[in-house]
């Protein structure tokens, strides 16, 4: 009952009260069943991440991974929380930090079969920590790994645009337009047309 109350409180937007309910339930002497414990820890992870408490989120997600070590959501969340903690700690340009983020996110992308939203998060984190060169290299690699995901062509093109490579970006946008699923919404279509006009 306490976990359900905590989940409902979180959905209502009261993060602090929800976190207290969930932490209390998880710390109770009576062990929760695996599914309930998973739901409670996952929501607590979300609350901590949303409150910019990235190191605390990392500790919680490790406990969740102990329950479900192959869970795709937990794997990508660990990558997201750890990368944000490193960015906040001013670790940009630190080879060890960059390598850690690459290792975590590569596993997250694989676990979620190249899901576009995870790739976007990965590239944003990598840009912040390592800059454009490695980000572009990674975007191209992931795009080639999942050739059936047309939207990754668009994501790669966005990285090229951001790096000031207007002509390659335009060519990639043309390819994205030709692929099923290459555009996810009207805003992306506008971005593609603009990049093509600017680059060709």
N, C-alpha and C. Protein backbone atom coordinates (compact mmCIF):
# COMPACT_ATOMS: atom_id res chain seq x y z
N UNK A 1 0.83 -1.20 0.00
CA UNK A 1 0.00 0.00 0.00
C UNK A 1 0.87 1.26 0.00
N UNK A 2 1.97 1.24 0.74
CA UNK A 2 2.84 2.41 0.80
C UNK A 2 3.50 2.68 -0.55
N UNK A 3 3.88 1.61 -1.25
CA UNK A 3 4.48 1.81 -2.58
C UNK A 3 3.47 2.41 -3.53
N UNK A 4 2.25 1.89 -3.51
CA UNK A 4 1.22 2.44 -4.40
C UNK A 4 0.93 3.90 -4.06
N UNK A 5 0.94 4.22 -2.79
CA UNK A 5 0.74 5.61 -2.37
C UNK A 5 1.89 6.49 -2.87
N UNK A 6 3.10 5.95 -2.78
CA UNK A 6 4.25 6.70 -3.26
C UNK A 6 4.20 6.93 -4.76
N UNK A 7 3.81 5.91 -5.51
CA UNK A 7 3.70 6.05 -6.97
C UNK A 7 2.64 7.08 -7.33
N UNK A 8 1.51 7.01 -6.66
CA UNK A 8 0.43 7.95 -6.95
C UNK A 8 0.85 9.38 -6.60
N UNK A 9 1.52 9.54 -5.47
CA UNK A 9 1.99 10.86 -5.06
C UNK A 9 2.98 11.42 -6.07
N UNK A 10 3.84 10.56 -6.60
CA UNK A 10 4.79 11.00 -7.62
C UNK A 10 4.06 11.45 -8.88
N UNK A 11 3.08 10.67 -9.32
CA UNK A 11 2.33 11.03 -10.53
C UNK A 11 1.60 12.35 -10.35
N UNK A 12 1.25 12.66 -9.10
CA UNK A 12 0.56 13.92 -8.81
C UNK A 12 1.53 15.10 -8.73
N UNK A 13 2.83 14.82 -8.79
CA UNK A 13 3.82 15.88 -8.85
C UNK A 13 4.48 16.25 -7.54
N UNK A 14 4.19 15.52 -6.46
CA UNK A 14 4.80 15.82 -5.17
C UNK A 14 6.01 14.89 -4.98
N UNK A 15 7.14 15.30 -5.54
CA UNK A 15 8.30 14.43 -5.58
C UNK A 15 8.86 14.11 -4.19
N UNK A 16 8.92 15.11 -3.33
CA UNK A 16 9.50 14.90 -2.01
C UNK A 16 8.69 13.90 -1.20
N UNK A 17 7.38 14.09 -1.15
CA UNK A 17 6.53 13.18 -0.39
C UNK A 17 6.59 11.77 -1.00
N UNK A 18 6.63 11.70 -2.31
CA UNK A 18 6.71 10.39 -2.98
C UNK A 18 8.01 9.68 -2.63
N UNK A 19 9.12 10.41 -2.65
CA UNK A 19 10.41 9.81 -2.33
C UNK A 19 10.43 9.27 -0.91
N UNK A 20 9.83 10.01 0.02
CA UNK A 20 9.78 9.55 1.41
C UNK A 20 8.99 8.25 1.52
N UNK A 21 7.83 8.21 0.86
CA UNK A 21 7.00 7.00 0.88
C UNK A 21 7.75 5.80 0.29
N UNK A 22 8.38 6.00 -0.84
CA UNK A 22 9.06 4.90 -1.52
C UNK A 22 10.28 4.43 -0.75
N UNK A 23 11.07 5.37 -0.23
CA UNK A 23 12.24 4.98 0.55
C UNK A 23 11.84 4.24 1.82
N UNK A 24 10.76 4.68 2.45
CA UNK A 24 10.28 4.02 3.67
C UNK A 24 9.84 2.59 3.35
N UNK A 25 9.12 2.43 2.24
CA UNK A 25 8.65 1.10 1.85
C UNK A 25 9.83 0.18 1.53
N UNK A 26 10.82 0.70 0.85
CA UNK A 26 11.97 -0.12 0.46
C UNK A 26 12.85 -0.50 1.65
N UNK A 27 12.83 0.35 2.68
CA UNK A 27 13.65 0.09 3.87
C UNK A 27 12.92 -0.72 4.94
N UNK A 28 11.65 -1.02 4.72
CA UNK A 28 10.86 -1.73 5.72
C UNK A 28 11.39 -3.15 5.92
N UNK A 29 11.26 -3.68 7.14
CA UNK A 29 11.75 -5.04 7.42
C UNK A 29 11.06 -6.09 6.56
N UNK A 30 9.76 -5.86 6.26
CA UNK A 30 9.04 -6.82 5.44
C UNK A 30 9.49 -6.67 3.98
N UNK A 31 10.04 -7.73 3.43
CA UNK A 31 10.56 -7.67 2.06
C UNK A 31 9.42 -7.52 1.07
N UNK A 32 9.61 -6.63 0.10
CA UNK A 32 8.65 -6.47 -0.98
C UNK A 32 8.87 -7.56 -2.02
N UNK A 33 7.81 -7.92 -2.73
CA UNK A 33 8.03 -8.85 -3.83
C UNK A 33 8.83 -8.16 -4.93
N UNK A 34 9.41 -8.93 -5.81
CA UNK A 34 10.36 -8.38 -6.79
C UNK A 34 9.71 -7.33 -7.68
N UNK A 35 8.51 -7.56 -8.13
CA UNK A 35 7.84 -6.62 -9.04
C UNK A 35 7.56 -5.30 -8.33
N UNK A 36 7.07 -5.38 -7.10
CA UNK A 36 6.78 -4.15 -6.34
C UNK A 36 8.06 -3.40 -6.04
N UNK A 37 9.10 -4.11 -5.65
CA UNK A 37 10.39 -3.46 -5.36
C UNK A 37 10.95 -2.80 -6.61
N UNK A 38 10.80 -3.47 -7.74
CA UNK A 38 11.27 -2.89 -9.01
C UNK A 38 10.52 -1.58 -9.31
N UNK A 39 9.20 -1.61 -9.20
CA UNK A 39 8.41 -0.41 -9.49
C UNK A 39 8.79 0.74 -8.56
N UNK A 40 9.00 0.41 -7.28
CA UNK A 40 9.35 1.45 -6.30
C UNK A 40 10.72 2.04 -6.61
N UNK A 41 11.69 1.20 -6.88
CA UNK A 41 13.04 1.71 -7.15
C UNK A 41 13.09 2.49 -8.45
N UNK A 42 12.37 2.03 -9.45
CA UNK A 42 12.38 2.74 -10.73
C UNK A 42 11.80 4.15 -10.57
N UNK A 43 10.71 4.26 -9.84
CA UNK A 43 10.11 5.59 -9.65
C UNK A 43 11.02 6.46 -8.79
N UNK A 44 11.67 5.88 -7.80
CA UNK A 44 12.60 6.64 -6.97
C UNK A 44 13.77 7.13 -7.82
N UNK A 45 14.25 6.30 -8.72
CA UNK A 45 15.31 6.73 -9.64
C UNK A 45 14.87 7.93 -10.46
N UNK A 46 13.66 7.88 -10.98
CA UNK A 46 13.14 8.98 -11.78
C UNK A 46 13.05 10.27 -10.97
N UNK A 47 12.59 10.14 -9.74
CA UNK A 47 12.46 11.32 -8.87
C UNK A 47 13.82 11.94 -8.61
N UNK A 48 14.79 11.11 -8.28
CA UNK A 48 16.14 11.62 -7.98
C UNK A 48 16.76 12.27 -9.21
N UNK A 49 16.61 11.65 -10.36
CA UNK A 49 17.15 12.21 -11.60
C UNK A 49 16.48 13.54 -11.92
N UNK A 50 15.17 13.59 -11.77
CA UNK A 50 14.43 14.81 -12.04
C UNK A 50 14.75 15.93 -11.07
N UNK A 51 15.29 15.56 -9.91
CA UNK A 51 15.70 16.55 -8.91
C UNK A 51 17.19 16.88 -9.01
N UNK A 52 17.83 16.42 -10.08
CA UNK A 52 19.27 16.65 -10.33
C UNK A 52 20.16 16.00 -9.28
N UNK A 53 19.66 14.98 -8.62
CA UNK A 53 20.46 14.24 -7.63
C UNK A 53 21.04 13.01 -8.32
N UNK A 54 21.98 13.26 -9.22
CA UNK A 54 22.44 12.20 -10.12
C UNK A 54 23.23 11.11 -9.40
N UNK A 55 24.07 11.49 -8.44
CA UNK A 55 24.84 10.47 -7.73
C UNK A 55 23.91 9.56 -6.93
N UNK A 56 22.89 10.13 -6.31
CA UNK A 56 21.92 9.31 -5.58
C UNK A 56 21.14 8.41 -6.54
N UNK A 57 20.83 8.95 -7.72
CA UNK A 57 20.13 8.14 -8.72
C UNK A 57 20.98 6.95 -9.16
N UNK A 58 22.29 7.18 -9.30
CA UNK A 58 23.19 6.10 -9.68
C UNK A 58 23.16 4.99 -8.63
N UNK A 59 23.21 5.36 -7.36
CA UNK A 59 23.19 4.35 -6.30
C UNK A 59 21.89 3.55 -6.31
N UNK A 60 20.78 4.23 -6.55
CA UNK A 60 19.50 3.54 -6.60
C UNK A 60 19.39 2.62 -7.80
N UNK A 61 19.91 3.06 -8.93
CA UNK A 61 19.78 2.23 -10.13
C UNK A 61 20.64 0.99 -10.02
N UNK A 62 21.74 1.08 -9.28
CA UNK A 62 22.55 -0.12 -9.06
C UNK A 62 21.76 -1.16 -8.26
N UNK A 63 20.97 -0.70 -7.31
CA UNK A 63 20.12 -1.61 -6.54
C UNK A 63 19.03 -2.21 -7.42
N UNK A 64 18.51 -1.42 -8.34
CA UNK A 64 17.50 -1.92 -9.26
C UNK A 64 18.10 -2.96 -10.21
N UNK A 65 19.33 -2.69 -10.67
CA UNK A 65 19.99 -3.65 -11.55
C UNK A 65 20.30 -4.96 -10.83
N UNK A 66 20.44 -4.90 -9.51
CA UNK A 66 20.63 -6.14 -8.75
C UNK A 66 19.37 -7.01 -8.83
N UNK A 67 18.21 -6.36 -8.97
CA UNK A 67 16.96 -7.10 -9.13
C UNK A 67 16.76 -7.59 -10.56
N UNK A 68 17.18 -6.75 -11.52
CA UNK A 68 16.94 -7.06 -12.93
C UNK A 68 18.16 -6.64 -13.74
N UNK A 69 19.22 -7.45 -13.73
CA UNK A 69 20.49 -7.04 -14.33
C UNK A 69 20.45 -6.81 -15.84
N UNK A 70 19.49 -7.39 -16.54
CA UNK A 70 19.41 -7.23 -17.99
C UNK A 70 18.28 -6.31 -18.43
N UNK A 71 17.71 -5.56 -17.48
CA UNK A 71 16.57 -4.70 -17.79
C UNK A 71 17.02 -3.51 -18.65
N UNK A 72 16.48 -3.36 -19.86
CA UNK A 72 16.92 -2.27 -20.75
C UNK A 72 16.73 -0.89 -20.15
N UNK A 73 15.62 -0.65 -19.47
CA UNK A 73 15.38 0.67 -18.88
C UNK A 73 16.46 0.99 -17.85
N UNK A 74 16.76 0.03 -16.99
CA UNK A 74 17.74 0.27 -15.94
C UNK A 74 19.14 0.49 -16.52
N UNK A 75 19.47 -0.25 -17.56
CA UNK A 75 20.80 -0.12 -18.17
C UNK A 75 20.98 1.27 -18.76
N UNK A 76 19.97 1.74 -19.51
CA UNK A 76 20.11 3.08 -20.10
C UNK A 76 20.04 4.16 -19.04
N UNK A 77 19.27 3.92 -17.97
CA UNK A 77 19.16 4.94 -16.92
C UNK A 77 20.49 5.11 -16.20
N UNK A 78 21.19 4.02 -15.96
CA UNK A 78 22.51 4.13 -15.33
C UNK A 78 23.43 4.99 -16.18
N UNK A 79 23.39 4.78 -17.50
CA UNK A 79 24.22 5.60 -18.40
C UNK A 79 23.83 7.06 -18.32
N UNK A 80 22.53 7.34 -18.30
CA UNK A 80 22.07 8.72 -18.26
C UNK A 80 22.44 9.41 -16.96
N UNK A 81 22.21 8.72 -15.84
CA UNK A 81 22.49 9.33 -14.53
C UNK A 81 23.98 9.53 -14.32
N UNK A 82 24.77 8.54 -14.70
CA UNK A 82 26.22 8.66 -14.51
C UNK A 82 26.81 9.75 -15.41
N UNK A 83 26.34 9.84 -16.63
CA UNK A 83 26.86 10.87 -17.54
C UNK A 83 26.54 12.26 -17.02
N UNK A 84 25.33 12.45 -16.51
CA UNK A 84 24.97 13.76 -15.97
C UNK A 84 25.79 14.09 -14.72
N UNK A 85 26.08 13.09 -13.91
CA UNK A 85 26.92 13.31 -12.73
C UNK A 85 28.33 13.74 -13.15
N UNK A 86 28.86 13.13 -14.19
CA UNK A 86 30.20 13.48 -14.66
C UNK A 86 30.23 14.87 -15.28
N UNK A 87 29.18 15.20 -16.03
CA UNK A 87 29.10 16.54 -16.62
C UNK A 87 29.04 17.59 -15.52
N UNK A 88 28.20 17.35 -14.53
CA UNK A 88 28.06 18.30 -13.42
C UNK A 88 29.36 18.43 -12.63
N UNK A 89 30.13 17.36 -12.56
CA UNK A 89 31.39 17.39 -11.82
C UNK A 89 32.52 18.06 -12.61
N UNK A 90 32.22 18.54 -13.81
CA UNK A 90 33.22 19.23 -14.61
C UNK A 90 34.25 18.31 -15.22
N UNK A 91 33.84 17.10 -15.59
CA UNK A 91 34.79 16.11 -16.11
C UNK A 91 34.92 16.16 -17.63
N UNK A 92 34.46 17.22 -18.27
CA UNK A 92 34.61 17.34 -19.72
C UNK A 92 36.09 17.27 -20.10
N UNK A 93 36.38 16.48 -21.13
CA UNK A 93 37.76 16.33 -21.58
C UNK A 93 38.55 15.28 -20.83
N UNK A 94 37.98 14.69 -19.79
CA UNK A 94 38.65 13.66 -19.01
C UNK A 94 38.49 12.31 -19.73
N UNK A 95 39.58 11.72 -20.21
CA UNK A 95 39.46 10.47 -20.98
C UNK A 95 38.75 9.35 -20.21
N UNK A 96 38.98 9.27 -18.91
CA UNK A 96 38.34 8.22 -18.13
C UNK A 96 36.83 8.41 -18.08
N UNK A 97 36.39 9.66 -17.94
CA UNK A 97 34.96 9.95 -17.93
C UNK A 97 34.32 9.64 -19.27
N UNK A 98 35.00 10.03 -20.33
CA UNK A 98 34.49 9.78 -21.69
C UNK A 98 34.37 8.28 -21.93
N UNK A 99 35.39 7.53 -21.56
CA UNK A 99 35.36 6.09 -21.78
C UNK A 99 34.26 5.43 -20.97
N UNK A 100 34.04 5.90 -19.74
CA UNK A 100 32.97 5.33 -18.91
C UNK A 100 31.61 5.56 -19.54
N UNK A 101 31.38 6.77 -20.01
CA UNK A 101 30.09 7.09 -20.63
C UNK A 101 29.89 6.27 -21.91
N UNK A 102 30.93 6.13 -22.70
CA UNK A 102 30.82 5.34 -23.92
C UNK A 102 30.48 3.88 -23.59
N UNK A 103 31.13 3.34 -22.59
CA UNK A 103 30.88 1.94 -22.21
C UNK A 103 29.44 1.76 -21.73
N UNK A 104 28.99 2.67 -20.87
CA UNK A 104 27.64 2.54 -20.32
C UNK A 104 26.57 2.74 -21.39
N UNK A 105 26.77 3.76 -22.22
CA UNK A 105 25.75 4.04 -23.23
C UNK A 105 25.77 3.03 -24.37
N UNK A 106 26.93 2.52 -24.72
CA UNK A 106 26.96 1.47 -25.75
C UNK A 106 26.13 0.28 -25.30
N UNK A 107 26.24 -0.06 -24.02
CA UNK A 107 25.44 -1.16 -23.50
C UNK A 107 23.95 -0.80 -23.49
N UNK A 108 23.65 0.45 -23.15
CA UNK A 108 22.26 0.89 -23.14
C UNK A 108 21.64 0.89 -24.52
N UNK A 109 22.38 1.37 -25.51
CA UNK A 109 21.88 1.37 -26.89
C UNK A 109 21.65 -0.06 -27.37
N UNK A 110 22.57 -0.95 -27.05
CA UNK A 110 22.41 -2.35 -27.46
C UNK A 110 21.20 -2.98 -26.78
N UNK A 111 21.04 -2.72 -25.48
CA UNK A 111 19.93 -3.31 -24.74
C UNK A 111 18.58 -2.85 -25.28
N UNK A 112 18.53 -1.61 -25.78
CA UNK A 112 17.27 -1.06 -26.30
C UNK A 112 17.23 -1.08 -27.82
N UNK A 113 18.12 -1.87 -28.42
CA UNK A 113 18.11 -2.12 -29.86
C UNK A 113 18.14 -0.85 -30.69
N UNK A 114 18.98 0.10 -30.27
CA UNK A 114 19.17 1.31 -31.05
C UNK A 114 18.03 2.30 -31.00
N UNK A 115 17.29 2.30 -29.89
CA UNK A 115 16.17 3.24 -29.75
C UNK A 115 16.66 4.68 -29.92
N UNK A 116 15.93 5.45 -30.73
CA UNK A 116 16.40 6.78 -31.11
C UNK A 116 16.58 7.69 -29.91
N UNK A 117 15.66 7.66 -28.96
CA UNK A 117 15.74 8.60 -27.84
C UNK A 117 16.97 8.33 -26.97
N UNK A 118 17.38 7.07 -26.88
CA UNK A 118 18.58 6.76 -26.10
C UNK A 118 19.82 7.23 -26.86
N UNK A 119 19.82 7.05 -28.17
CA UNK A 119 20.95 7.52 -28.97
C UNK A 119 21.09 9.03 -28.85
N UNK A 120 19.97 9.75 -28.86
CA UNK A 120 20.03 11.21 -28.69
C UNK A 120 20.68 11.58 -27.36
N UNK A 121 20.24 10.91 -26.29
CA UNK A 121 20.81 11.19 -24.97
C UNK A 121 22.31 10.90 -24.95
N UNK A 122 22.69 9.79 -25.56
CA UNK A 122 24.10 9.39 -25.63
C UNK A 122 24.92 10.47 -26.32
N UNK A 123 24.46 10.91 -27.47
CA UNK A 123 25.23 11.89 -28.26
C UNK A 123 25.30 13.24 -27.55
N UNK A 124 24.22 13.63 -26.88
CA UNK A 124 24.24 14.89 -26.12
C UNK A 124 25.28 14.82 -24.99
N UNK A 125 25.30 13.69 -24.29
CA UNK A 125 26.27 13.53 -23.20
C UNK A 125 27.69 13.50 -23.73
N UNK A 126 27.87 12.81 -24.83
CA UNK A 126 29.21 12.69 -25.41
C UNK A 126 29.70 14.04 -25.92
N UNK A 127 28.81 14.81 -26.52
CA UNK A 127 29.20 16.15 -26.98
C UNK A 127 29.67 17.00 -25.80
N UNK A 128 28.93 16.93 -24.68
CA UNK A 128 29.29 17.73 -23.51
C UNK A 128 30.63 17.31 -22.92
N UNK A 129 30.95 16.03 -22.99
CA UNK A 129 32.17 15.52 -22.35
C UNK A 129 33.37 15.45 -23.29
N UNK A 130 33.11 15.17 -24.58
CA UNK A 130 34.21 14.91 -25.50
C UNK A 130 34.26 15.84 -26.70
N UNK A 131 33.17 16.56 -26.96
CA UNK A 131 33.17 17.47 -28.10
C UNK A 131 32.67 16.82 -29.38
N UNK A 132 32.72 17.56 -30.49
CA UNK A 132 32.06 17.12 -31.72
C UNK A 132 32.71 15.94 -32.43
N UNK A 133 34.03 15.85 -32.44
CA UNK A 133 34.68 14.84 -33.27
C UNK A 133 34.26 13.42 -32.88
N UNK A 134 34.38 13.09 -31.61
CA UNK A 134 34.00 11.76 -31.15
C UNK A 134 32.49 11.56 -31.25
N UNK A 135 31.72 12.62 -31.04
CA UNK A 135 30.27 12.51 -31.15
C UNK A 135 29.86 12.15 -32.56
N UNK A 136 30.44 12.81 -33.55
CA UNK A 136 30.13 12.50 -34.95
C UNK A 136 30.54 11.09 -35.31
N UNK A 137 31.70 10.68 -34.84
CA UNK A 137 32.16 9.32 -35.10
C UNK A 137 31.19 8.30 -34.51
N UNK A 138 30.72 8.57 -33.30
CA UNK A 138 29.79 7.66 -32.63
C UNK A 138 28.44 7.64 -33.31
N UNK A 139 27.95 8.80 -33.73
CA UNK A 139 26.67 8.87 -34.43
C UNK A 139 26.71 8.05 -35.71
N UNK A 140 27.80 8.16 -36.46
CA UNK A 140 27.94 7.41 -37.70
C UNK A 140 28.00 5.91 -37.42
N UNK A 141 28.72 5.54 -36.37
CA UNK A 141 28.84 4.12 -36.03
C UNK A 141 27.49 3.52 -35.65
N UNK A 142 26.74 4.22 -34.81
CA UNK A 142 25.44 3.70 -34.38
C UNK A 142 24.47 3.64 -35.56
N UNK A 143 24.52 4.66 -36.39
CA UNK A 143 23.66 4.67 -37.58
C UNK A 143 23.91 3.45 -38.45
N UNK A 144 25.18 3.09 -38.64
CA UNK A 144 25.51 1.94 -39.49
C UNK A 144 25.18 0.62 -38.80
N UNK A 145 25.18 0.63 -37.47
CA UNK A 145 24.85 -0.59 -36.72
C UNK A 145 23.38 -0.93 -36.82
N UNK A 146 22.54 0.12 -36.92
CA UNK A 146 21.08 -0.08 -36.99
C UNK A 146 20.55 0.54 -38.29
N UNK A 147 20.87 -0.06 -39.43
CA UNK A 147 20.51 0.56 -40.72
C UNK A 147 19.01 0.63 -40.97
N UNK A 148 18.23 -0.19 -40.27
CA UNK A 148 16.78 -0.16 -40.49
C UNK A 148 16.08 0.96 -39.73
N UNK A 149 16.81 1.63 -38.84
CA UNK A 149 16.22 2.74 -38.08
C UNK A 149 16.51 4.04 -38.83
N UNK A 150 15.56 4.45 -39.66
CA UNK A 150 15.75 5.64 -40.47
C UNK A 150 15.93 6.91 -39.68
N UNK A 151 15.36 6.98 -38.49
CA UNK A 151 15.45 8.21 -37.71
C UNK A 151 16.88 8.46 -37.21
N UNK A 152 17.72 7.41 -37.17
CA UNK A 152 19.11 7.62 -36.77
C UNK A 152 19.89 8.38 -37.83
N UNK A 153 19.43 8.31 -39.07
CA UNK A 153 20.05 9.12 -40.12
C UNK A 153 19.81 10.60 -39.82
N UNK A 154 18.58 10.91 -39.42
CA UNK A 154 18.24 12.29 -39.06
C UNK A 154 19.06 12.75 -37.86
N UNK A 155 19.20 11.90 -36.87
CA UNK A 155 19.98 12.25 -35.68
C UNK A 155 21.44 12.53 -36.06
N UNK A 156 21.99 11.70 -36.92
CA UNK A 156 23.35 11.91 -37.40
C UNK A 156 23.44 13.25 -38.13
N UNK A 157 22.45 13.53 -38.97
CA UNK A 157 22.44 14.80 -39.71
C UNK A 157 22.38 16.00 -38.76
N UNK A 158 21.61 15.87 -37.70
CA UNK A 158 21.56 16.95 -36.71
C UNK A 158 22.92 17.20 -36.08
N UNK A 159 23.65 16.13 -35.79
CA UNK A 159 25.00 16.29 -35.23
C UNK A 159 25.92 16.99 -36.23
N UNK A 160 25.80 16.64 -37.49
CA UNK A 160 26.61 17.29 -38.52
C UNK A 160 26.28 18.77 -38.61
N UNK A 161 24.99 19.10 -38.53
CA UNK A 161 24.58 20.50 -38.55
C UNK A 161 25.16 21.24 -37.36
N UNK A 162 25.06 20.63 -36.20
CA UNK A 162 25.57 21.24 -34.96
C UNK A 162 27.07 21.49 -35.04
N UNK A 163 27.77 20.61 -35.76
CA UNK A 163 29.22 20.74 -35.90
C UNK A 163 29.61 21.69 -37.02
N UNK A 164 28.62 22.26 -37.70
CA UNK A 164 28.91 23.21 -38.75
C UNK A 164 29.25 22.57 -40.09
N UNK A 165 28.98 21.29 -40.24
CA UNK A 165 29.25 20.59 -41.49
C UNK A 165 27.98 20.57 -42.34
N UNK A 166 27.69 21.71 -42.95
CA UNK A 166 26.38 21.91 -43.58
C UNK A 166 26.15 21.02 -44.80
N UNK A 167 27.17 20.81 -45.62
CA UNK A 167 26.94 20.00 -46.82
C UNK A 167 26.71 18.52 -46.49
N UNK A 168 27.57 17.89 -45.67
CA UNK A 168 27.28 16.51 -45.27
C UNK A 168 25.94 16.38 -44.53
N UNK A 169 25.60 17.40 -43.74
CA UNK A 169 24.32 17.38 -43.03
C UNK A 169 23.16 17.39 -44.01
N UNK A 170 23.27 18.21 -45.05
CA UNK A 170 22.21 18.29 -46.06
C UNK A 170 22.04 16.96 -46.77
N UNK A 171 23.15 16.32 -47.13
CA UNK A 171 23.06 15.03 -47.81
C UNK A 171 22.41 13.98 -46.91
N UNK A 172 22.78 14.01 -45.64
CA UNK A 172 22.18 13.06 -44.70
C UNK A 172 20.68 13.33 -44.52
N UNK A 173 20.30 14.60 -44.51
CA UNK A 173 18.87 14.93 -44.39
C UNK A 173 18.09 14.46 -45.61
N UNK A 174 18.67 14.57 -46.79
CA UNK A 174 18.01 14.06 -47.99
C UNK A 174 17.78 12.56 -47.86
N UNK A 175 18.80 11.86 -47.38
CA UNK A 175 18.64 10.41 -47.18
C UNK A 175 17.57 10.11 -46.14
N UNK A 176 17.56 10.88 -45.06
CA UNK A 176 16.55 10.67 -44.02
C UNK A 176 15.15 10.87 -44.56
N UNK A 177 14.97 11.87 -45.41
CA UNK A 177 13.66 12.13 -46.01
C UNK A 177 13.19 10.98 -46.89
N UNK A 178 14.14 10.25 -47.44
CA UNK A 178 13.78 9.17 -48.36
C UNK A 178 13.47 7.86 -47.63
N UNK A 179 13.70 7.84 -46.32
CA UNK A 179 13.54 6.60 -45.57
C UNK A 179 12.26 6.61 -44.75
N UNK A 180 11.60 5.47 -44.69
CA UNK A 180 10.43 5.33 -43.82
C UNK A 180 10.86 5.52 -42.38
N UNK A 181 10.15 6.38 -41.67
CA UNK A 181 10.49 6.63 -40.27
C UNK A 181 11.63 7.59 -40.08
N UNK A 182 12.13 8.17 -41.16
CA UNK A 182 13.25 9.09 -41.04
C UNK A 182 12.90 10.36 -40.29
N UNK A 183 11.65 10.79 -40.39
CA UNK A 183 11.16 11.97 -39.68
C UNK A 183 10.11 11.52 -38.67
N UNK A 184 10.22 12.02 -37.46
CA UNK A 184 9.28 11.64 -36.41
C UNK A 184 8.12 12.62 -36.25
N UNK A 185 8.29 13.86 -36.70
CA UNK A 185 7.23 14.86 -36.55
C UNK A 185 7.49 16.02 -37.52
N UNK A 186 6.58 16.98 -37.51
CA UNK A 186 6.67 18.11 -38.43
C UNK A 186 7.89 18.97 -38.14
N UNK A 187 8.23 19.14 -36.87
CA UNK A 187 9.40 19.95 -36.53
C UNK A 187 10.67 19.37 -37.15
N UNK A 188 10.79 18.05 -37.12
CA UNK A 188 11.96 17.43 -37.73
C UNK A 188 11.96 17.63 -39.24
N UNK A 189 10.78 17.60 -39.84
CA UNK A 189 10.69 17.86 -41.28
C UNK A 189 11.17 19.27 -41.60
N UNK A 190 10.75 20.24 -40.81
CA UNK A 190 11.21 21.62 -41.01
C UNK A 190 12.73 21.71 -40.85
N UNK A 191 13.26 21.04 -39.84
CA UNK A 191 14.71 21.06 -39.62
C UNK A 191 15.44 20.46 -40.82
N UNK A 192 14.88 19.40 -41.37
CA UNK A 192 15.51 18.74 -42.51
C UNK A 192 15.52 19.66 -43.73
N UNK A 193 14.39 20.29 -44.01
CA UNK A 193 14.29 21.17 -45.17
C UNK A 193 15.26 22.35 -45.02
N UNK A 194 15.32 22.91 -43.81
CA UNK A 194 16.23 24.04 -43.57
C UNK A 194 17.68 23.63 -43.80
N UNK A 195 18.06 22.44 -43.27
CA UNK A 195 19.43 21.98 -43.43
C UNK A 195 19.77 21.74 -44.90
N UNK A 196 18.81 21.24 -45.64
CA UNK A 196 19.04 20.99 -47.07
C UNK A 196 19.22 22.28 -47.83
N UNK A 197 18.38 23.25 -47.54
CA UNK A 197 18.48 24.56 -48.21
C UNK A 197 19.82 25.22 -47.87
N UNK A 198 20.25 25.11 -46.62
CA UNK A 198 21.50 25.74 -46.20
C UNK A 198 22.73 25.03 -46.75
N UNK A 199 22.62 23.70 -46.94
CA UNK A 199 23.82 22.94 -47.27
C UNK A 199 24.03 22.61 -48.72
N UNK A 200 22.96 22.70 -49.52
CA UNK A 200 23.10 22.31 -50.93
C UNK A 200 22.94 23.49 -51.86
